[in-house]
C-alpha atoms as a PDB file:
ATOM      1  CA  MET A   1     -19.367  45.577 -13.215  1.00  0.00           C
ATOM      2  CA  SER A   2     -18.972  43.561 -16.399  1.00  0.00           C
ATOM      3  CA  ALA A   3     -19.732  39.862 -16.705  1.00  0.00           C
ATOM      4  CA  PRO A   4     -16.989  37.359 -15.806  1.00  0.00           C
ATOM      5  CA  LYS A   5     -14.627  36.266 -18.566  1.00  0.00           C
ATOM      6  CA  ARG A   6     -13.959  32.660 -19.565  1.00  0.00           C
ATOM      7  CA  LEU A   7     -10.835  30.900 -18.257  1.00  0.00           C
ATOM      8  CA  VAL A   8      -9.887  28.118 -20.677  1.00  0.00           C
ATOM      9  CA  ILE A   9      -7.782  25.322 -19.194  1.00  0.00           C
ATOM     10  CA  PHE A  10      -5.292  23.134 -21.031  1.00  0.00           C
ATOM     11  CA  ALA A  11      -4.328  19.780 -19.465  1.00  0.00           C
ATOM     12  CA  GLU A  12      -2.299  16.794 -20.595  1.00  0.00           C
ATOM     13  CA  GLY A  13      -4.439  13.758 -19.774  1.00  0.00           C
ATOM     14  CA  GLN A  14      -7.860  12.886 -18.353  1.00  0.00           C
ATOM     15  CA  GLY A  15      -6.547  12.860 -14.775  1.00  0.00           C
ATOM     16  CA  GLY A  16      -4.980  16.249 -15.358  1.00  0.00           C
ATOM     17  CA  VAL A  17      -8.266  17.593 -16.678  1.00  0.00           C
ATOM     18  CA  GLN A  18     -10.183  16.870 -13.474  1.00  0.00           C
ATOM     19  CA  ALA A  19      -7.357  17.850 -11.132  1.00  0.00           C
ATOM     20  CA  THR A  20      -6.648  21.104 -12.940  1.00  0.00           C
ATOM     21  CA  LYS A  21     -10.306  22.140 -12.988  1.00  0.00           C
ATOM     22  CA  ARG A  22     -10.576  21.563  -9.226  1.00  0.00           C
ATOM     23  CA  LEU A  23      -7.333  23.408  -8.514  1.00  0.00           C
ATOM     24  CA  VAL A  24      -8.228  26.434 -10.630  1.00  0.00           C
ATOM     25  CA  ARG A  25     -11.722  26.661  -9.120  1.00  0.00           C
ATOM     26  CA  LYS A  26     -10.214  26.574  -5.610  1.00  0.00           C
ATOM     27  CA  LEU A  27      -7.748  29.306  -6.546  1.00  0.00           C
ATOM     28  CA  LEU A  28     -10.515  31.496  -7.957  1.00  0.00           C
ATOM     29  CA  ASP A  29     -12.579  30.962  -4.796  1.00  0.00           C
ATOM     30  CA  ARG A  30      -9.650  31.647  -2.481  1.00  0.00           C
ATOM     31  CA  HIS A  31      -8.810  34.899  -4.251  1.00  0.00           C
ATOM     32  CA  GLN A  32     -12.464  35.879  -4.716  1.00  0.00           C
ATOM     33  CA  ALA A  33     -11.931  36.085  -8.458  1.00  0.00           C
ATOM     34  CA  ASN A  34     -15.218  34.456  -9.491  1.00  0.00           C
ATOM     35  CA  GLU A  35     -16.607  37.882 -10.332  1.00  0.00           C
ATOM     36  CA  VAL A  36     -13.834  38.281 -12.899  1.00  0.00           C
ATOM     37  CA  LEU A  37     -13.277  34.752 -14.303  1.00  0.00           C
ATOM     38  CA  PHE A  38     -15.237  31.531 -14.637  1.00  0.00           C
ATOM     39  CA  VAL A  39     -13.761  28.138 -15.499  1.00  0.00           C
ATOM     40  CA  ASP A  40     -14.755  26.800 -18.907  1.00  0.00           C
ATOM     41  CA  ASP A  41     -16.142  23.285 -18.336  1.00  0.00           C
ATOM     42  CA  HIS A  42     -14.576  22.010 -21.564  1.00  0.00           C
ATOM     43  CA  VAL A  43     -10.880  21.563 -20.822  1.00  0.00           C
ATOM     44  CA  ILE A  44      -8.673  21.258 -23.894  1.00  0.00           C
ATOM     45  CA  GLN A  45      -6.608  18.090 -23.669  1.00  0.00           C
ATOM     46  CA  LEU A  46      -3.022  18.256 -24.817  1.00  0.00           C
ATOM     47  CA  GLY A  47      -0.894  15.322 -25.797  1.00  0.00           C
ATOM     48  CA  GLY A  48       2.740  15.029 -24.871  1.00  0.00           C
ATOM     49  CA  LEU A  49       5.317  17.586 -25.917  1.00  0.00           C
ATOM     50  CA  THR A  50       6.038  15.825 -29.206  1.00  0.00           C
ATOM     51  CA  SER A  51       2.400  16.062 -30.244  1.00  0.00           C
ATOM     52  CA  LEU A  52       2.410  19.825 -29.640  1.00  0.00           C
ATOM     53  CA  ILE A  53       5.261  20.503 -32.043  1.00  0.00           C
ATOM     54  CA  ASN A  54       4.678  20.084 -35.748  1.00  0.00           C
ATOM     55  CA  ARG A  55       7.818  20.665 -37.760  1.00  0.00           C
ATOM     56  CA  GLY A  56       5.896  21.017 -41.017  1.00  0.00           C
ATOM     57  CA  GLY A  57       4.011  24.206 -40.185  1.00  0.00           C
ATOM     58  CA  GLU A  58       1.770  25.581 -37.480  1.00  0.00           C
ATOM     59  CA  SER A  59       2.207  23.735 -34.228  1.00  0.00           C
ATOM     60  CA  ASP A  60      -0.675  21.869 -32.628  1.00  0.00           C
ATOM     61  CA  TRP A  61      -0.301  24.238 -29.669  1.00  0.00           C
ATOM     62  CA  VAL A  62      -1.147  27.261 -31.831  1.00  0.00           C
ATOM     63  CA  SER A  63      -4.210  25.522 -33.245  1.00  0.00           C
ATOM     64  CA  LYS A  64      -5.416  24.628 -29.725  1.00  0.00           C
ATOM     65  CA  VAL A  65      -5.024  28.255 -28.599  1.00  0.00           C
ATOM     66  CA  LYS A  66      -7.071  29.325 -31.634  1.00  0.00           C
ATOM     67  CA  VAL A  67      -9.800  26.822 -30.680  1.00  0.00           C
ATOM     68  CA  ALA A  68      -9.870  28.242 -27.149  1.00  0.00           C
ATOM     69  CA  HIS A  69     -10.091  31.794 -28.475  1.00  0.00           C
ATOM     70  CA  LYS A  70     -13.071  30.903 -30.691  1.00  0.00           C
ATOM     71  CA  ARG A  71     -15.115  30.005 -27.590  1.00  0.00           C
ATOM     72  CA  GLY A  72     -15.633  33.702 -27.049  1.00  0.00           C
ATOM     73  CA  ASN A  73     -15.487  35.890 -23.967  1.00  0.00           C
ATOM     74  CA  VAL A  74     -11.996  34.542 -23.176  1.00  0.00           C
ATOM     75  CA  GLY A  75     -10.226  36.382 -20.397  1.00  0.00           C
ATOM     76  CA  ALA A  76      -7.395  33.921 -19.720  1.00  0.00           C
ATOM     77  CA  MET A  77      -5.902  30.555 -20.657  1.00  0.00           C
ATOM     78  CA  PHE A  78      -4.127  28.253 -18.217  1.00  0.00           C
END
């Protein structure tokens, strides 16, 4: 079996970062998916909706997805 893939998490604020990491880890445990995915410890923080949309070009959201992808071994983003 191949090595687990990275699951990159996006969250809005610091409270969301910790809560989301705990929730996703519990879900992976409950569904015995730890052999397939592991949670990346470095959650990408998002601002509010207005900070994700840049009317002058590439949105901040697209750039954050590109950052997540550069971490390598990415299997999913949440």
